[in-house]
């Protein structure tokens, strides 16, 4: 990103004879820009301790987590409820979103994404 601004400064600070229209060429995305993309990453929750990795990537803010809760659901419902509560509180703290996806999956998203729920579309009103 720093190189990009240096290139812009050079283009604007000295006149260029090879570009009579005054256009500035902007290069393709650099390696630093790749980090600004987000990921959709699957997780499998077999124990309560598996929640730590999910929470860490959510706090980073670049990953949407698809969490398979089936193994923990079959093993221990109390631990599952504890894990879901921890996920929900973390999503609230980071202004994220969380929702169930079927019976075996939970989707958790950071601040930049919202999860569509059926019936959650805004109602239109008749202005006549």
Protein backbone atom coordinates (compact mmCIF):
# COMPACT_ATOMS: atom_id res chain seq x y z
CA UNK A 1 0.00 0.00 0.00
CA UNK A 2 2.90 2.30 0.79
CA UNK A 3 4.34 1.67 -2.68
CA UNK A 4 1.02 2.62 -4.23
CA UNK A 5 1.02 6.04 -2.54
CA UNK A 6 4.66 6.62 -3.48
CA UNK A 7 3.82 5.88 -7.11
CA UNK A 8 0.90 8.31 -6.98
CA UNK A 9 3.10 10.99 -5.44
CA UNK A 10 5.69 10.56 -8.19
CA UNK A 11 3.05 10.76 -10.93
CA UNK A 12 1.55 13.96 -9.54
CA UNK A 13 4.79 15.67 -8.49
CA UNK A 14 6.58 15.61 -11.84
CA UNK A 15 5.07 16.25 -15.27
CA UNK A 16 5.17 13.34 -17.64
CA UNK A 17 5.66 13.77 -21.38
CA UNK A 18 4.62 10.20 -22.19
CA UNK A 19 1.11 10.73 -20.79
CA UNK A 20 -0.36 13.89 -22.37
CA UNK A 21 -3.91 13.26 -21.10
CA UNK A 22 -2.80 13.32 -17.46
CA UNK A 23 -4.11 9.86 -16.57
CA UNK A 24 -2.61 7.92 -13.69
CA UNK A 25 -2.29 4.17 -14.04
CA UNK A 26 -3.17 2.18 -10.98
CA UNK A 27 -1.61 -1.28 -10.73
CA UNK A 28 -3.32 -4.56 -9.88
CA UNK A 29 -3.81 -5.69 -6.32
CA UNK A 30 -0.61 -6.28 -4.41
CA UNK A 31 0.14 -9.02 -1.87
CA UNK A 32 -1.02 -6.72 0.94
CA UNK A 33 -4.48 -6.43 -0.61
CA UNK A 34 -5.00 -10.20 -0.50
CA UNK A 35 -5.12 -9.99 3.31
CA UNK A 36 -8.11 -7.63 3.10
CA UNK A 37 -10.25 -10.40 1.57
CA UNK A 38 -12.43 -12.56 3.77
CA UNK A 39 -12.71 -16.34 4.03
CA UNK A 40 -15.52 -18.77 4.63
CA UNK A 41 -14.04 -21.51 6.77
CA UNK A 42 -15.55 -24.79 8.01
CA UNK A 43 -15.07 -25.99 11.58
CA UNK A 44 -16.09 -29.19 13.37
CA UNK A 45 -16.94 -28.93 17.05
CA UNK A 46 -16.17 -32.19 18.81
CA UNK A 47 -15.36 -30.72 22.24
CA UNK A 48 -15.97 -27.42 24.01
CA UNK A 49 -12.27 -26.59 23.58
CA UNK A 50 -12.75 -26.49 19.79
CA UNK A 51 -14.60 -23.20 20.22
CA UNK A 52 -11.34 -21.31 20.90
CA UNK A 53 -10.12 -21.46 17.30
CA UNK A 54 -13.51 -20.33 16.01
CA UNK A 55 -13.58 -17.39 18.40
CA UNK A 56 -10.04 -16.38 17.44
CA UNK A 57 -10.80 -16.20 13.71
CA UNK A 58 -14.05 -14.32 14.35
CA UNK A 59 -12.22 -11.74 16.44
CA UNK A 60 -9.70 -11.24 13.62
CA UNK A 61 -12.67 -10.11 11.54
CA UNK A 62 -11.83 -11.74 8.22
CA UNK A 63 -13.54 -15.13 8.48
CA UNK A 64 -17.11 -16.36 8.31
CA UNK A 65 -17.29 -19.63 10.28
CA UNK A 66 -19.45 -22.61 9.24
CA UNK A 67 -19.50 -24.81 12.31
CA UNK A 68 -20.60 -28.45 12.28
CA UNK A 69 -22.03 -28.99 15.77
CA UNK A 70 -23.26 -32.56 15.21
CA UNK A 71 -20.34 -34.36 16.99
CA UNK A 72 -20.72 -32.22 20.14
CA UNK A 73 -24.51 -32.43 19.94
CA UNK A 74 -24.32 -36.24 19.96
CA UNK A 75 -21.74 -36.23 22.74
CA UNK A 76 -22.85 -33.61 25.30
CA UNK A 77 -25.80 -31.19 25.01
CA UNK A 78 -24.74 -29.15 28.05
CA UNK A 79 -21.32 -28.46 26.52
CA UNK A 80 -23.00 -27.61 23.20
CA UNK A 81 -25.25 -25.04 24.89
CA UNK A 82 -22.22 -23.58 26.65
CA UNK A 83 -20.31 -23.32 23.36
CA UNK A 84 -23.25 -21.72 21.54
CA UNK A 85 -23.68 -19.20 24.36
CA UNK A 86 -19.98 -18.30 24.15
CA UNK A 87 -20.24 -17.94 20.36
CA UNK A 88 -23.34 -15.75 20.67
CA UNK A 89 -21.72 -13.45 23.24
CA UNK A 90 -18.58 -13.10 21.14
CA UNK A 91 -20.64 -12.27 18.05
CA UNK A 92 -22.51 -9.61 20.03
CA UNK A 93 -19.22 -8.15 21.31
CA UNK A 94 -17.72 -7.85 17.80
CA UNK A 95 -21.03 -6.67 16.28
CA UNK A 96 -21.23 -9.89 14.30
CA UNK A 97 -24.09 -12.24 13.56
CA UNK A 98 -24.86 -15.88 14.36
CA UNK A 99 -27.60 -18.22 13.19
CA UNK A 100 -28.44 -21.89 12.98
CA UNK A 101 -28.22 -23.48 9.57
CA UNK A 102 -30.23 -26.66 9.58
CA UNK A 103 -29.94 -28.84 12.67
CA UNK A 104 -26.23 -29.58 12.47
CA UNK A 105 -24.62 -26.27 11.51
CA UNK A 106 -24.15 -22.82 12.97
CA UNK A 107 -22.99 -19.85 10.90
CA UNK A 108 -21.05 -17.10 12.69
CA UNK A 109 -20.00 -13.93 10.90
CA UNK A 110 -17.95 -10.89 11.95
CA UNK A 111 -19.10 -7.27 11.76
CA UNK A 112 -19.02 -6.94 7.95
CA UNK A 113 -21.62 -9.65 7.23
CA UNK A 114 -25.23 -10.26 8.17
CA UNK A 115 -26.99 -13.61 7.91
CA UNK A 116 -30.27 -13.69 6.02
CA UNK A 117 -33.17 -15.18 7.91
CA UNK A 118 -36.47 -15.97 6.25
CA UNK A 119 -39.01 -13.29 7.04
CA UNK A 120 -36.30 -10.77 7.93
CA UNK A 121 -36.77 -8.62 4.83
CA UNK A 122 -38.13 -5.14 5.53
CA UNK A 123 -41.83 -4.75 4.97
CA UNK A 124 -42.86 -2.33 2.23
CA UNK A 125 -45.56 0.17 3.02
CA UNK A 126 -48.07 1.71 0.68
CA UNK A 127 -47.37 5.47 0.55
CA UNK A 128 -50.64 6.45 -1.13
